[in-house]
Amino acid sequence: MEYHIYTHKSPVVLESGAILPEVRIQYSTLGTRKEDDSNVIWVCHALTANSDVESWWPGLVGPDYLYNPEEHFIICANILSSCYGTTGPTETNPETNTPYFLSFPVVTIRDMVLIHEILREHLQIKKVHTLVGGSLGGQQAMEWAIQKPSLFSHLILLSTNAFHSPWGIAFNESQRMAIDMDPTWRNQSLDAGREGLKTARAIAMLSYRSYETYQQTQSEEDSSKTDDYKAITYQHYQGDKLVKRFNCHSYWYLSKAMDSHHVGRNRKSVADALGQISAKTLVVGISSDILFPVIEQEFLASQIPGASYICIDSLYGHDGFLTEIEKLDVVIREFYK
C-alpha cells in the first residue's frame, strides 16, 4: 500500500456555504493503474476507518484476494473530517495557524463526495470499474453514483441506506450526549473528550452488534458471579481501543455527517435520485443488522434500476460487512459474473 497526500490549494465551498481555504487529502493506492482506467477499484471507507483498506478488509483486498493489486488499481481516500491525514477538526486552519477543533464547519456526506471528486480530477481518473462502500462508506458511494452516473461501471453498497433513519440519528446523538458530558470536551486540545468518547463507543457497539452477538460471545459460564461480567469488560475494552487510535472531534463531526445523509435533499425525491444511478449495482444487507436493518437495503435495491440484492446471514450485526469476508467474496464474485 502506497500513501499519498494531495493539497488542493483553492477554496472549497461546502454544502452549508462554509468555505475551507484549502483541503489536504490523504489517500492510499495499491496496484498499477491501466492507461484506460479499466481496473480502478475505488473504496469509500466507513466511520472510524482509514485509507489503508488492505488492513481493515483483509481477505478481500490484497495479493491473491478478490481485489488483487496484480490485476486492480485500488484507491481509498481518507474522508473529510477524519483524523488520518485529510483536513478535519484536528488539522491547522491555514488562516489562523491554530487547530480548527469545534470551529470546523459542519460537514455532510455530499461534502465528502466533493473531496473525492476533487481528488479524482487531480488524478485524472476518467472512469471507475467498481465503487464500493459499507455503512458511511456506502452513503458516500451512493451519493457519488447519483452525482456522476456515467463515471462508474459497477456499484457495491453494503449495509447502508438512502437516508439516515431516526433510529440511527438517535444512536449518534446519544453518543454525542455522552461526549458532551465529559468536562474536557470544550477544551482546545487534541485530548479533549477522551472519556466521553469511550462511553460513546460503548453505546455504538450496541448498535454494531446484536442481542444474539452478546449472548453468544459475552455470556458467563459461572452463574454465581454478581459483578465483573464479561459484557462489562468488553464495553470498556472497546471504548479504550477506539480512544487509542481515534480523535473525539473527528468522531463528533463524522457522526453529524452520517446524520446528514439524505439522497432526496433538494432533489425531486429519494426515488428519483436513486433512479439516476446507472452503474450495475449490488446491494448487500446483513440479517442481524439493527443499525441499518435489511429493510433499508431492500428499499435501495427496489429503487436503483436493475440492482441485485443479497442478504448475508451473520452473527455480528452491522459489523458483518467487515467480518463476513468469505461470504462477501462469494457474493461479489457472483455479481461480477
Foldseek 3Di string as FASTA:
>chain_A
DDKDKDKAQPWDQAPVRDIQRIKIKIKDKAADADPLRQQEEEEEEDQQDARPVCVLQPQQDYPPHVNYNPRHIYMYIGFEQFDPTIHHQQDARPVVRAGNQVVDDFHALVNRLVVVVVVCVVVVNQAHAEYEYEASRLLNQLLNCLVPQVRYQEYEYELYFQAFDPLLLVLLVVLVVLQVPQPQQPPSDQLRSLVSQLQSQLSVQPQQADPLLCVVPFDDPDPVDDDPGSNVVVSNVRSVVQSVPGTPSSSNSSSSNRNNRHQPVVHPGSLVSLQSHDHAYEYEYECQRPRRHCVRSVVSQVRHPNYHYDYHYDNRYSCCVRVVSVVVSVVVVVSVD
